[in-house]
């Protein structure tokens, strides 16, 4: 996955978000963890191509899938782009309900506010 387009990024975030949604319902965390790593691979590419990230991530902020929105917002904050918009996405998802997605959104904001940065993957 060396040369990817912004549409590839969008498609992968949506695909992984849909798989994660199913794994949360089925409590299949092994598959969920494996799929989550695929977002990290795409993120690493965007770290080296901010233009790609700037074209891709904002489009994902309005996804119907809350997981996609949270992942895209966290990626955006970690890259230091569209932070205000990403923060608004996380705040909105955090208010929506009492589920894993709202919890993840709230925790992402909490960590970012404490540290003033986010990491998508460990060093």
PDB file of N, CA and C in Angstrom:
ATOM      1  N   UNK A   1       0.838  -1.184   0.000  1.00  0.00           N
ATOM      2  CA  UNK A   1       0.000   0.000   0.000  1.00  0.00           C
ATOM      3  C   UNK A   1       0.881   1.245   0.000  1.00  0.00           C
ATOM      4  N   UNK A   2       1.791   1.343  -0.945  1.00  0.00           N
ATOM      5  CA  UNK A   2       2.689   2.488  -1.008  1.00  0.00           C
ATOM      6  C   UNK A   2       2.030   3.703  -1.636  1.00  0.00           C
ATOM      7  N   UNK A   3       1.541   3.571  -2.852  1.00  0.00           N
ATOM      8  CA  UNK A   3       0.867   4.659  -3.528  1.00  0.00           C
ATOM      9  C   UNK A   3      -0.627   4.527  -3.291  1.00  0.00           C
ATOM     10  N   UNK A   4      -1.173   5.397  -2.485  1.00  0.00           N
ATOM     11  CA  UNK A   4      -2.614   5.343  -2.270  1.00  0.00           C
ATOM     12  C   UNK A   4      -3.212   6.706  -2.572  1.00  0.00           C
ATOM     13  N   UNK A   5      -4.454   6.693  -2.959  1.00  0.00           N
ATOM     14  CA  UNK A   5      -5.173   7.919  -3.264  1.00  0.00           C
ATOM     15  C   UNK A   5      -6.031   8.300  -2.066  1.00  0.00           C
ATOM     16  N   UNK A   6      -6.561   9.503  -2.138  1.00  0.00           N
ATOM     17  CA  UNK A   6      -7.444   9.911  -1.047  1.00  0.00           C
ATOM     18  C   UNK A   6      -8.680   9.012  -0.996  1.00  0.00           C
ATOM     19  N   UNK A   7      -9.130   8.533  -2.139  1.00  0.00           N
ATOM     20  CA  UNK A   7     -10.288   7.632  -2.153  1.00  0.00           C
ATOM     21  C   UNK A   7      -9.942   6.294  -1.485  1.00  0.00           C
ATOM     22  N   UNK A   8      -8.694   5.830  -1.647  1.00  0.00           N
ATOM     23  CA  UNK A   8      -8.246   4.613  -0.958  1.00  0.00           C
ATOM     24  C   UNK A   8      -8.307   4.802   0.556  1.00  0.00           C
ATOM     25  N   UNK A   9      -7.882   5.975   1.019  1.00  0.00           N
ATOM     26  CA  UNK A   9      -7.921   6.272   2.455  1.00  0.00           C
ATOM     27  C   UNK A   9      -9.362   6.238   2.947  1.00  0.00           C
ATOM     28  N   UNK A  10     -10.231   6.925   2.248  1.00  0.00           N
ATOM     29  CA  UNK A  10     -11.646   6.968   2.633  1.00  0.00           C
ATOM     30  C   UNK A  10     -12.234   5.560   2.655  1.00  0.00           C
ATOM     31  N   UNK A  11     -11.983   4.814   1.596  1.00  0.00           N
ATOM     32  CA  UNK A  11     -12.519   3.449   1.520  1.00  0.00           C
ATOM     33  C   UNK A  11     -12.014   2.567   2.646  1.00  0.00           C
ATOM     34  N   UNK A  12     -10.731   2.691   2.996  1.00  0.00           N
ATOM     35  CA  UNK A  12     -10.173   1.846   4.053  1.00  0.00           C
ATOM     36  C   UNK A  12     -10.735   2.225   5.425  1.00  0.00           C
ATOM     37  N   UNK A  13     -10.851   3.512   5.713  1.00  0.00           N
ATOM     38  CA  UNK A  13     -11.443   3.926   6.986  1.00  0.00           C
ATOM     39  C   UNK A  13     -12.883   3.419   7.092  1.00  0.00           C
ATOM     40  N   UNK A  14     -13.637   3.552   6.019  1.00  0.00           N
ATOM     41  CA  UNK A  14     -15.037   3.091   6.037  1.00  0.00           C
ATOM     42  C   UNK A  14     -15.106   1.575   6.170  1.00  0.00           C
ATOM     43  N   UNK A  15     -14.269   0.871   5.420  1.00  0.00           N
ATOM     44  CA  UNK A  15     -14.268  -0.595   5.489  1.00  0.00           C
ATOM     45  C   UNK A  15     -13.934  -1.061   6.899  1.00  0.00           C
ATOM     46  N   UNK A  16     -12.859  -0.514   7.460  1.00  0.00           N
ATOM     47  CA  UNK A  16     -12.446  -0.913   8.812  1.00  0.00           C
ATOM     48  C   UNK A  16     -13.515  -0.510   9.832  1.00  0.00           C
ATOM     49  N   UNK A  17     -14.080   0.665   9.687  1.00  0.00           N
ATOM     50  CA  UNK A  17     -15.134   1.101  10.604  1.00  0.00           C
ATOM     51  C   UNK A  17     -16.324   0.159  10.588  1.00  0.00           C
ATOM     52  N   UNK A  18     -16.701  -0.303   9.404  1.00  0.00           N
ATOM     53  CA  UNK A  18     -17.819  -1.252   9.301  1.00  0.00           C
ATOM     54  C   UNK A  18     -17.480  -2.589   9.956  1.00  0.00           C
ATOM     55  N   UNK A  19     -16.259  -3.054   9.736  1.00  0.00           N
ATOM     56  CA  UNK A  19     -15.834  -4.317  10.373  1.00  0.00           C
ATOM     57  C   UNK A  19     -15.807  -4.147  11.889  1.00  0.00           C
ATOM     58  N   UNK A  20     -15.264  -3.035  12.370  1.00  0.00           N
ATOM     59  CA  UNK A  20     -15.208  -2.807  13.815  1.00  0.00           C
ATOM     60  C   UNK A  20     -16.606  -2.732  14.419  1.00  0.00           C
ATOM     61  N   UNK A  21     -17.529  -2.130  13.704  1.00  0.00           N
ATOM     62  CA  UNK A  21     -18.898  -2.058  14.192  1.00  0.00           C
ATOM     63  C   UNK A  21     -19.454  -3.465  14.432  1.00  0.00           C
ATOM     64  N   UNK A  22     -19.179  -4.359  13.511  1.00  0.00           N
ATOM     65  CA  UNK A  22     -19.639  -5.753  13.660  1.00  0.00           C
ATOM     66  C   UNK A  22     -18.896  -6.465  14.790  1.00  0.00           C
ATOM     67  N   UNK A  23     -17.597  -6.228  14.897  1.00  0.00           N
ATOM     68  CA  UNK A  23     -16.843  -6.911  15.959  1.00  0.00           C
ATOM     69  C   UNK A  23     -17.272  -6.432  17.335  1.00  0.00           C
ATOM     70  N   UNK A  24     -17.669  -5.159  17.454  1.00  0.00           N
ATOM     71  CA  UNK A  24     -18.173  -4.666  18.744  1.00  0.00           C
ATOM     72  C   UNK A  24     -19.472  -5.376  19.098  1.00  0.00           C
ATOM     73  N   UNK A  25     -20.350  -5.548  18.105  1.00  0.00           N
ATOM     74  CA  UNK A  25     -21.631  -6.219  18.345  1.00  0.00           C
ATOM     75  C   UNK A  25     -21.419  -7.679  18.731  1.00  0.00           C
ATOM     76  N   UNK A  26     -20.492  -8.345  18.044  1.00  0.00           N
ATOM     77  CA  UNK A  26     -20.245  -9.773  18.258  1.00  0.00           C
ATOM     78  C   UNK A  26     -19.190 -10.055  19.316  1.00  0.00           C
ATOM     79  N   UNK A  27     -18.605  -9.001  19.854  1.00  0.00           N
ATOM     80  CA  UNK A  27     -17.526  -9.108  20.843  1.00  0.00           C
ATOM     81  C   UNK A  27     -16.361  -9.949  20.322  1.00  0.00           C
ATOM     82  N   UNK A  28     -16.059  -9.787  19.055  1.00  0.00           N
ATOM     83  CA  UNK A  28     -14.938 -10.485  18.420  1.00  0.00           C
ATOM     84  C   UNK A  28     -13.731  -9.548  18.397  1.00  0.00           C
ATOM     85  N   UNK A  29     -13.143  -9.373  19.551  1.00  0.00           N
ATOM     86  CA  UNK A  29     -12.092  -8.367  19.712  1.00  0.00           C
ATOM     87  C   UNK A  29     -10.795  -8.746  19.010  1.00  0.00           C
ATOM     88  N   UNK A  30     -10.580 -10.021  18.782  1.00  0.00           N
ATOM     89  CA  UNK A  30      -9.387 -10.453  18.052  1.00  0.00           C
ATOM     90  C   UNK A  30      -9.412  -9.905  16.625  1.00  0.00           C
ATOM     91  N   UNK A  31     -10.537 -10.062  15.967  1.00  0.00           N
ATOM     92  CA  UNK A  31     -10.694  -9.520  14.613  1.00  0.00           C
ATOM     93  C   UNK A  31     -10.642  -7.997  14.663  1.00  0.00           C
ATOM     94  N   UNK A  32     -11.291  -7.412  15.657  1.00  0.00           N
ATOM     95  CA  UNK A  32     -11.297  -5.957  15.806  1.00  0.00           C
ATOM     96  C   UNK A  32      -9.899  -5.384  15.958  1.00  0.00           C
ATOM     97  N   UNK A  33      -9.076  -6.009  16.772  1.00  0.00           N
ATOM     98  CA  UNK A  33      -7.704  -5.541  16.967  1.00  0.00           C
ATOM     99  C   UNK A  33      -6.900  -5.647  15.671  1.00  0.00           C
ATOM    100  N   UNK A  34      -7.114  -6.717  14.941  1.00  0.00           N
ATOM    101  CA  UNK A  34      -6.412  -6.917  13.666  1.00  0.00           C
ATOM    102  C   UNK A  34      -6.808  -5.834  12.662  1.00  0.00           C
ATOM    103  N   UNK A  35      -8.082  -5.529  12.607  1.00  0.00           N
ATOM    104  CA  UNK A  35      -8.566  -4.498  11.677  1.00  0.00           C
ATOM    105  C   UNK A  35      -8.074  -3.119  12.092  1.00  0.00           C
ATOM    106  N   UNK A  36      -8.046  -2.851  13.388  1.00  0.00           N
ATOM    107  CA  UNK A  36      -7.576  -1.554  13.873  1.00  0.00           C
ATOM    108  C   UNK A  36      -6.154  -1.250  13.427  1.00  0.00           C
ATOM    109  N   UNK A  37      -5.345  -2.279  13.318  1.00  0.00           N
ATOM    110  CA  UNK A  37      -3.960  -2.101  12.867  1.00  0.00           C
ATOM    111  C   UNK A  37      -3.893  -1.616  11.423  1.00  0.00           C
ATOM    112  N   UNK A  38      -4.924  -1.903  10.660  1.00  0.00           N
ATOM    113  CA  UNK A  38      -4.944  -1.466   9.263  1.00  0.00           C
ATOM    114  C   UNK A  38      -5.110   0.047   9.156  1.00  0.00           C
ATOM    115  N   UNK A  39      -5.845   0.635  10.086  1.00  0.00           N
ATOM    116  CA  UNK A  39      -5.965   2.094  10.126  1.00  0.00           C
ATOM    117  C   UNK A  39      -4.607   2.705  10.467  1.00  0.00           C
ATOM    118  N   UNK A  40      -3.865   2.069  11.350  1.00  0.00           N
ATOM    119  CA  UNK A  40      -2.537   2.572  11.714  1.00  0.00           C
ATOM    120  C   UNK A  40      -1.628   2.602  10.488  1.00  0.00           C
ATOM    121  N   UNK A  41      -1.701   1.577   9.655  1.00  0.00           N
ATOM    122  CA  UNK A  41      -0.878   1.560   8.432  1.00  0.00           C
ATOM    123  C   UNK A  41      -1.209   2.740   7.522  1.00  0.00           C
ATOM    124  N   UNK A  42      -2.491   3.015   7.369  1.00  0.00           N
ATOM    125  CA  UNK A  42      -2.904   4.145   6.538  1.00  0.00           C
ATOM    126  C   UNK A  42      -2.461   5.458   7.192  1.00  0.00           C
ATOM    127  N   UNK A  43      -2.595   5.542   8.503  1.00  0.00           N
ATOM    128  CA  UNK A  43      -2.174   6.743   9.225  1.00  0.00           C
ATOM    129  C   UNK A  43      -0.683   7.010   9.004  1.00  0.00           C
ATOM    130  N   UNK A  44       0.123   5.973   9.065  1.00  0.00           N
ATOM    131  CA  UNK A  44       1.570   6.142   8.867  1.00  0.00           C
ATOM    132  C   UNK A  44       1.881   6.706   7.484  1.00  0.00           C
ATOM    133  N   UNK A  45       1.117   6.312   6.498  1.00  0.00           N
ATOM    134  CA  UNK A  45       1.297   6.875   5.154  1.00  0.00           C
ATOM    135  C   UNK A  45       0.930   8.350   5.169  1.00  0.00           C
ATOM    136  N   UNK A  46      -0.167   8.688   5.838  1.00  0.00           N
ATOM    137  CA  UNK A  46      -0.601  10.086   5.889  1.00  0.00           C
ATOM    138  C   UNK A  46       0.361  10.961   6.681  1.00  0.00           C
ATOM    139  N   UNK A  47       1.066  10.391   7.653  1.00  0.00           N
ATOM    140  CA  UNK A  47       2.074  11.156   8.388  1.00  0.00           C
ATOM    141  C   UNK A  47       3.115  11.735   7.436  1.00  0.00           C
ATOM    142  N   UNK A  48       3.401  10.992   6.400  1.00  0.00           N
ATOM    143  CA  UNK A  48       4.400  11.415   5.419  1.00  0.00           C
ATOM    144  C   UNK A  48       3.788  12.098   4.205  1.00  0.00           C
ATOM    145  N   UNK A  49       2.481  12.243   4.201  1.00  0.00           N
ATOM    146  CA  UNK A  49       1.799  12.883   3.082  1.00  0.00           C
ATOM    147  C   UNK A  49       0.600  13.657   3.642  1.00  0.00           C
ATOM    148  N   UNK A  50       0.892  14.811   4.233  1.00  0.00           N
ATOM    149  CA  UNK A  50      -0.176  15.597   4.857  1.00  0.00           C
ATOM    150  C   UNK A  50      -1.211  16.072   3.843  1.00  0.00           C
ATOM    151  N   UNK A  51      -0.800  16.271   2.620  1.00  0.00           N
ATOM    152  CA  UNK A  51      -1.762  16.667   1.582  1.00  0.00           C
ATOM    153  C   UNK A  51      -2.837  15.586   1.421  1.00  0.00           C
ATOM    154  N   UNK A  52      -2.402  14.345   1.419  1.00  0.00           N
ATOM    155  CA  UNK A  52      -3.332  13.219   1.341  1.00  0.00           C
ATOM    156  C   UNK A  52      -4.281  13.230   2.543  1.00  0.00           C
ATOM    157  N   UNK A  53      -3.722  13.434   3.721  1.00  0.00           N
ATOM    158  CA  UNK A  53      -4.530  13.477   4.941  1.00  0.00           C
ATOM    159  C   UNK A  53      -5.521  14.636   4.900  1.00  0.00           C
ATOM    160  N   UNK A  54      -5.065  15.795   4.442  1.00  0.00           N
ATOM    161  CA  UNK A  54      -5.918  16.981   4.409  1.00  0.00           C
ATOM    162  C   UNK A  54      -7.068  16.829   3.412  1.00  0.00           C
ATOM    163  N   UNK A  55      -6.868  16.037   2.412  1.00  0.00           N
ATOM    164  CA  UNK A  55      -7.918  15.800   1.425  1.00  0.00           C
ATOM    165  C   UNK A  55      -8.887  14.709   1.902  1.00  0.00           C
ATOM    166  N   UNK A  56      -8.391  13.753   2.657  1.00  0.00           N
ATOM    167  CA  UNK A  56      -9.172  12.569   3.029  1.00  0.00           C
ATOM    168  C   UNK A  56      -9.961  12.718   4.321  1.00  0.00           C
ATOM    169  N   UNK A  57      -9.292  13.115   5.377  1.00  0.00           N
ATOM    170  CA  UNK A  57      -9.895  13.047   6.708  1.00  0.00           C
ATOM    171  C   UNK A  57     -11.165  13.888   6.876  1.00  0.00           C
ATOM    172  N   UNK A  58     -11.190  15.137   6.403  1.00  0.00           N
ATOM    173  CA  UNK A  58     -12.417  15.922   6.612  1.00  0.00           C
ATOM    174  C   UNK A  58     -13.662  15.279   5.994  1.00  0.00           C
ATOM    175  N   UNK A  59     -13.489  14.589   4.910  1.00  0.00           N
ATOM    176  CA  UNK A  59     -14.629  13.921   4.282  1.00  0.00           C
ATOM    177  C   UNK A  59     -15.201  12.833   5.189  1.00  0.00           C
ATOM    178  N   UNK A  60     -14.348  12.249   6.022  1.00  0.00           N
ATOM    179  CA  UNK A  60     -14.779  11.173   6.919  1.00  0.00           C
ATOM    180  C   UNK A  60     -15.479  11.694   8.175  1.00  0.00           C
ATOM    181  N   UNK A  61     -15.323  12.982   8.472  1.00  0.00           N
ATOM    182  CA  UNK A  61     -15.961  13.564   9.655  1.00  0.00           C
ATOM    183  C   UNK A  61     -17.484  13.463   9.603  1.00  0.00           C
ATOM    184  N   UNK A  62     -18.035  13.330   8.410  1.00  0.00           N
ATOM    185  CA  UNK A  62     -19.495  13.283   8.287  1.00  0.00           C
ATOM    186  C   UNK A  62     -20.015  11.880   7.983  1.00  0.00           C
ATOM    187  N   UNK A  63     -19.176  10.874   8.172  1.00  0.00           N
ATOM    188  CA  UNK A  63     -19.593   9.498   7.934  1.00  0.00           C
ATOM    189  C   UNK A  63     -20.781   9.132   8.823  1.00  0.00           C
ATOM    190  N   UNK A  64     -21.623   8.248   8.328  1.00  0.00           N
ATOM    191  CA  UNK A  64     -22.730   7.735   9.130  1.00  0.00           C
ATOM    192  C   UNK A  64     -22.225   6.842  10.266  1.00  0.00           C
ATOM    193  N   UNK A  65     -21.059   6.260  10.074  1.00  0.00           N
ATOM    194  CA  UNK A  65     -20.476   5.334  11.045  1.00  0.00           C
ATOM    195  C   UNK A  65     -19.687   6.122  12.088  1.00  0.00           C
ATOM    196  N   UNK A  66     -20.130   6.063  13.336  1.00  0.00           N
ATOM    197  CA  UNK A  66     -19.461   6.803  14.415  1.00  0.00           C
ATOM    198  C   UNK A  66     -18.008   6.371  14.589  1.00  0.00           C
ATOM    199  N   UNK A  67     -17.724   5.112  14.380  1.00  0.00           N
ATOM    200  CA  UNK A  67     -16.348   4.617  14.521  1.00  0.00           C
ATOM    201  C   UNK A  67     -15.453   5.305  13.510  1.00  0.00           C
ATOM    202  N   UNK A  68     -15.917   5.428  12.286  1.00  0.00           N
ATOM    203  CA  UNK A  68     -15.148   6.099  11.239  1.00  0.00           C
ATOM    204  C   UNK A  68     -14.907   7.550  11.636  1.00  0.00           C
ATOM    205  N   UNK A  69     -15.941   8.203  12.134  1.00  0.00           N
ATOM    206  CA  UNK A  69     -15.812   9.607  12.540  1.00  0.00           C
ATOM    207  C   UNK A  69     -14.795   9.775  13.660  1.00  0.00           C
ATOM    208  N   UNK A  70     -14.862   8.908  14.659  1.00  0.00           N
ATOM    209  CA  UNK A  70     -13.926   8.996  15.787  1.00  0.00           C
ATOM    210  C   UNK A  70     -12.500   8.713  15.330  1.00  0.00           C
ATOM    211  N   UNK A  71     -12.309   7.682  14.517  1.00  0.00           N
ATOM    212  CA  UNK A  71     -10.958   7.349  14.028  1.00  0.00           C
ATOM    213  C   UNK A  71     -10.394   8.488  13.179  1.00  0.00           C
ATOM    214  N   UNK A  72     -11.220   9.048  12.304  1.00  0.00           N
ATOM    215  CA  UNK A  72     -10.759  10.146  11.451  1.00  0.00           C
ATOM    216  C   UNK A  72     -10.431  11.385  12.280  1.00  0.00           C
ATOM    217  N   UNK A  73     -11.267  11.684  13.261  1.00  0.00           N
ATOM    218  CA  UNK A  73     -11.020  12.847  14.114  1.00  0.00           C
ATOM    219  C   UNK A  73      -9.746  12.666  14.930  1.00  0.00           C
ATOM    220  N   UNK A  74      -9.552  11.487  15.491  1.00  0.00           N
ATOM    221  CA  UNK A  74      -8.327  11.217  16.263  1.00  0.00           C
ATOM    222  C   UNK A  74      -7.098  11.309  15.362  1.00  0.00           C
ATOM    223  N   UNK A  75      -7.194  10.772  14.166  1.00  0.00           N
ATOM    224  CA  UNK A  75      -6.072  10.844  13.221  1.00  0.00           C
ATOM    225  C   UNK A  75      -5.750  12.298  12.889  1.00  0.00           C
ATOM    226  N   UNK A  76      -6.780  13.082  12.679  1.00  0.00           N
ATOM    227  CA  UNK A  76      -6.604  14.489  12.343  1.00  0.00           C
ATOM    228  C   UNK A  76      -5.909  15.246  13.481  1.00  0.00           C
ATOM    229  N   UNK A  77      -6.366  15.037  14.691  1.00  0.00           N
ATOM    230  CA  UNK A  77      -5.743  15.699  15.841  1.00  0.00           C
ATOM    231  C   UNK A  77      -4.295  15.254  15.991  1.00  0.00           C
ATOM    232  N   UNK A  78      -4.046  13.969  15.830  1.00  0.00           N
ATOM    233  CA  UNK A  78      -2.675  13.456  15.942  1.00  0.00           C
ATOM    234  C   UNK A  78      -1.753  14.075  14.896  1.00  0.00           C
ATOM    235  N   UNK A  79      -2.299  14.371  13.730  1.00  0.00           N
ATOM    236  CA  UNK A  79      -1.508  14.991  12.660  1.00  0.00           C
ATOM    237  C   UNK A  79      -1.452  16.510  12.792  1.00  0.00           C
ATOM    238  N   UNK A  80      -2.269  17.067  13.677  1.00  0.00           N
ATOM    239  CA  UNK A  80      -2.280  18.513  13.875  1.00  0.00           C
ATOM    240  C   UNK A  80      -2.996  19.268  12.769  1.00  0.00           C
ATOM    241  N   UNK A  81      -3.957  18.622  12.125  1.00  0.00           N
ATOM    242  CA  UNK A  81      -4.717  19.274  11.058  1.00  0.00           C
ATOM    243  C   UNK A  81      -6.209  19.220  11.392  1.00  0.00           C
ATOM    244  N   UNK A  82      -6.925  20.263  11.017  1.00  0.00           N
ATOM    245  CA  UNK A  82      -8.370  20.340  11.246  1.00  0.00           C
ATOM    246  C   UNK A  82      -8.730  20.014  12.700  1.00  0.00           C
ATOM    247  N   UNK A  83      -7.920  20.497  13.615  1.00  0.00           N
ATOM    248  CA  UNK A  83      -8.096  20.157  15.033  1.00  0.00           C
ATOM    249  C   UNK A  83      -9.438  20.656  15.561  1.00  0.00           C
ATOM    250  N   UNK A  84      -9.809  21.875  15.221  1.00  0.00           N
ATOM    251  CA  UNK A  84     -11.078  22.426  15.712  1.00  0.00           C
ATOM    252  C   UNK A  84     -12.255  21.571  15.237  1.00  0.00           C
ATOM    253  N   UNK A  85     -12.235  21.201  13.965  1.00  0.00           N
ATOM    254  CA  UNK A  85     -13.309  20.391  13.406  1.00  0.00           C
ATOM    255  C   UNK A  85     -13.322  18.989  14.010  1.00  0.00           C
ATOM    256  N   UNK A  86     -12.136  18.420  14.176  1.00  0.00           N
ATOM    257  CA  UNK A  86     -12.023  17.078  14.752  1.00  0.00           C
ATOM    258  C   UNK A  86     -12.516  17.067  16.196  1.00  0.00           C
ATOM    259  N   UNK A  87     -12.167  18.094  16.938  1.00  0.00           N
ATOM    260  CA  UNK A  87     -12.619  18.212  18.324  1.00  0.00           C
ATOM    261  C   UNK A  87     -14.153  18.257  18.360  1.00  0.00           C
ATOM    262  N   UNK A  88     -14.750  19.015  17.447  1.00  0.00           N
ATOM    263  CA  UNK A  88     -16.219  19.109  17.392  1.00  0.00           C
ATOM    264  C   UNK A  88     -16.845  17.746  17.088  1.00  0.00           C
ATOM    265  N   UNK A  89     -16.219  16.974  16.217  1.00  0.00           N
ATOM    266  CA  UNK A  89     -16.721  15.624  15.900  1.00  0.00           C
ATOM    267  C   UNK A  89     -16.691  14.760  17.152  1.00  0.00           C
ATOM    268  N   UNK A  90     -15.576  14.777  17.858  1.00  0.00           N
ATOM    269  CA  UNK A  90     -15.445  13.954  19.066  1.00  0.00           C
ATOM    270  C   UNK A  90     -16.433  14.391  20.142  1.00  0.00           C
ATOM    271  N   UNK A  91     -16.625  15.682  20.286  1.00  0.00           N
ATOM    272  CA  UNK A  91     -17.591  16.171  21.279  1.00  0.00           C
ATOM    273  C   UNK A  91     -19.008  15.727  20.927  1.00  0.00           C
ATOM    274  N   UNK A  92     -19.335  15.799  19.640  1.00  0.00           N
ATOM    275  CA  UNK A  92     -20.672  15.378  19.199  1.00  0.00           C
ATOM    276  C   UNK A  92     -20.900  13.887  19.443  1.00  0.00           C
ATOM    277  N   UNK A  93     -19.955  13.063  19.033  1.00  0.00           N
ATOM    278  CA  UNK A  93     -20.099  11.614  19.237  1.00  0.00           C
ATOM    279  C   UNK A  93     -20.117  11.296  20.731  1.00  0.00           C
ATOM    280  N   UNK A  94     -19.329  12.010  21.504  1.00  0.00           N
ATOM    281  CA  UNK A  94     -19.295  11.794  22.950  1.00  0.00           C
ATOM    282  C   UNK A  94     -20.620  12.089  23.626  1.00  0.00           C
ATOM    283  N   UNK A  95     -21.402  13.004  23.045  1.00  0.00           N
ATOM    284  CA  UNK A  95     -22.713  13.369  23.617  1.00  0.00           C
ATOM    285  C   UNK A  95     -23.830  12.436  23.174  1.00  0.00           C
ATOM    286  N   UNK A  96     -23.626  11.710  22.091  1.00  0.00           N
ATOM    287  CA  UNK A  96     -24.694  10.941  21.444  1.00  0.00           C
ATOM    288  C   UNK A  96     -25.319   9.910  22.369  1.00  0.00           C
ATOM    289  N   UNK A  97     -24.529   9.178  23.082  1.00  0.00           N
ATOM    290  CA  UNK A  97     -25.134   8.129  23.889  1.00  0.00           C
ATOM    291  C   UNK A  97     -24.146   7.514  24.844  1.00  0.00           C
ATOM    292  N   UNK A  98     -24.532   6.370  25.315  1.00  0.00           N
ATOM    293  CA  UNK A  98     -23.718   5.675  26.300  1.00  0.00           C
ATOM    294  C   UNK A  98     -23.281   4.346  25.684  1.00  0.00           C
ATOM    295  N   UNK A  99     -22.406   4.435  24.671  1.00  0.00           N
ATOM    296  CA  UNK A  99     -21.923   3.232  24.005  1.00  0.00           C
ATOM    297  C   UNK A  99     -20.408   3.315  23.844  1.00  0.00           C
ATOM    298  N   UNK A 100     -19.833   2.312  23.238  1.00  0.00           N
ATOM    299  CA  UNK A 100     -18.379   2.254  23.100  1.00  0.00           C
ATOM    300  C   UNK A 100     -17.849   3.413  22.257  1.00  0.00           C
ATOM    301  N   UNK A 101     -18.610   3.848  21.276  1.00  0.00           N
ATOM    302  CA  UNK A 101     -18.166   4.942  20.420  1.00  0.00           C
ATOM    303  C   UNK A 101     -18.124   6.264  21.183  1.00  0.00           C
ATOM    304  N   UNK A 102     -19.149   6.525  21.980  1.00  0.00           N
ATOM    305  CA  UNK A 102     -19.148   7.765  22.764  1.00  0.00           C
ATOM    306  C   UNK A 102     -18.043   7.713  23.816  1.00  0.00           C
ATOM    307  N   UNK A 103     -17.822   6.549  24.403  1.00  0.00           N
ATOM    308  CA  UNK A 103     -16.732   6.387  25.367  1.00  0.00           C
ATOM    309  C   UNK A 103     -15.382   6.661  24.700  1.00  0.00           C
ATOM    310  N   UNK A 104     -15.167   6.076  23.521  1.00  0.00           N
ATOM    311  CA  UNK A 104     -13.901   6.290  22.806  1.00  0.00           C
ATOM    312  C   UNK A 104     -13.704   7.760  22.454  1.00  0.00           C
ATOM    313  N   UNK A 105     -14.771   8.420  22.038  1.00  0.00           N
ATOM    314  CA  UNK A 105     -14.682   9.845  21.704  1.00  0.00           C
ATOM    315  C   UNK A 105     -14.312  10.659  22.946  1.00  0.00           C
ATOM    316  N   UNK A 106     -14.977  10.386  24.049  1.00  0.00           N
ATOM    317  CA  UNK A 106     -14.696  11.108  25.303  1.00  0.00           C
ATOM    318  C   UNK A 106     -13.267  10.868  25.775  1.00  0.00           C
ATOM    319  N   UNK A 107     -12.814   9.623  25.716  1.00  0.00           N
ATOM    320  CA  UNK A 107     -11.458   9.298  26.171  1.00  0.00           C
ATOM    321  C   UNK A 107     -10.396   9.924  25.258  1.00  0.00           C
ATOM    322  N   UNK A 108     -10.661   9.946  23.968  1.00  0.00           N
ATOM    323  CA  UNK A 108      -9.729  10.572  23.032  1.00  0.00           C
ATOM    324  C   UNK A 108      -9.572  12.045  23.377  1.00  0.00           C
ATOM    325  N   UNK A 109     -10.683  12.723  23.613  1.00  0.00           N
ATOM    326  CA  UNK A 109     -10.626  14.136  23.994  1.00  0.00           C
ATOM    327  C   UNK A 109      -9.912  14.329  25.326  1.00  0.00           C
ATOM    328  N   UNK A 110     -10.209  13.470  26.277  1.00  0.00           N
ATOM    329  CA  UNK A 110      -9.595  13.589  27.595  1.00  0.00           C
ATOM    330  C   UNK A 110      -8.073  13.436  27.514  1.00  0.00           C
ATOM    331  N   UNK A 111      -7.615  12.439  26.794  1.00  0.00           N
ATOM    332  CA  UNK A 111      -6.171  12.215  26.643  1.00  0.00           C
ATOM    333  C   UNK A 111      -5.527  13.399  25.933  1.00  0.00           C
ATOM    334  N   UNK A 112      -6.156  13.871  24.869  1.00  0.00           N
ATOM    335  CA  UNK A 112      -5.612  15.003  24.117  1.00  0.00           C
ATOM    336  C   UNK A 112      -5.540  16.255  24.984  1.00  0.00           C
ATOM    337  N   UNK A 113      -6.574  16.506  25.758  1.00  0.00           N
ATOM    338  CA  UNK A 113      -6.583  17.703  26.621  1.00  0.00           C
ATOM    339  C   UNK A 113      -5.509  17.619  27.700  1.00  0.00           C
ATOM    340  N   UNK A 114      -5.279  16.440  28.242  1.00  0.00           N
ATOM    341  CA  UNK A 114      -4.239  16.272  29.269  1.00  0.00           C
ATOM    342  C   UNK A 114      -2.841  16.395  28.688  1.00  0.00           C
ATOM    343  N   UNK A 115      -2.609  15.698  27.587  1.00  0.00           N
ATOM    344  CA  UNK A 115      -1.257  15.621  27.011  1.00  0.00           C
ATOM    345  C   UNK A 115      -0.964  16.745  26.032  1.00  0.00           C
ATOM    346  N   UNK A 116      -2.011  17.283  25.422  1.00  0.00           N
ATOM    347  CA  UNK A 116      -1.907  18.284  24.352  1.00  0.00           C
ATOM    348  C   UNK A 116      -1.375  17.689  23.054  1.00  0.00           C
ATOM    349  N   UNK A 117      -1.407  16.369  22.940  1.00  0.00           N
ATOM    350  CA  UNK A 117      -1.083  15.667  21.701  1.00  0.00           C
ATOM    351  C   UNK A 117      -1.736  14.287  21.764  1.00  0.00           C
ATOM    352  N   UNK A 118      -1.826  13.639  20.612  1.00  0.00           N
ATOM    353  CA  UNK A 118      -2.336  12.273  20.530  1.00  0.00           C
ATOM    354  C   UNK A 118      -1.352  11.424  19.758  1.00  0.00           C
ATOM    355  N   UNK A 119      -1.243  10.179  20.151  1.00  0.00           N
ATOM    356  CA  UNK A 119      -0.470   9.191  19.400  1.00  0.00           C
ATOM    357  C   UNK A 119      -1.450   8.139  18.891  1.00  0.00           C
ATOM    358  N   UNK A 120      -1.291   7.765  17.648  1.00  0.00           N
ATOM    359  CA  UNK A 120      -2.166   6.751  17.070  1.00  0.00           C
ATOM    360  C   UNK A 120      -1.579   5.364  17.293  1.00  0.00           C
ATOM    361  N   UNK A 121      -0.267   5.315  17.442  1.00  0.00           N
ATOM    362  CA  UNK A 121       0.406   4.026  17.646  1.00  0.00           C
ATOM    363  C   UNK A 121       1.608   4.248  18.565  1.00  0.00           C
ATOM    364  N   UNK A 122       2.012   3.201  19.283  1.00  0.00           N
ATOM    365  CA  UNK A 122       3.179   3.339  20.166  1.00  0.00           C
ATOM    366  C   UNK A 122       4.459   3.425  19.339  1.00  0.00           C
ATOM    367  N   UNK A 123       5.445   4.030  19.916  1.00  0.00           N
ATOM    368  CA  UNK A 123       6.745   4.164  19.224  1.00  0.00           C
ATOM    369  C   UNK A 123       7.383   2.824  19.002  1.00  0.00           C
TER     370      UNK A 123
END
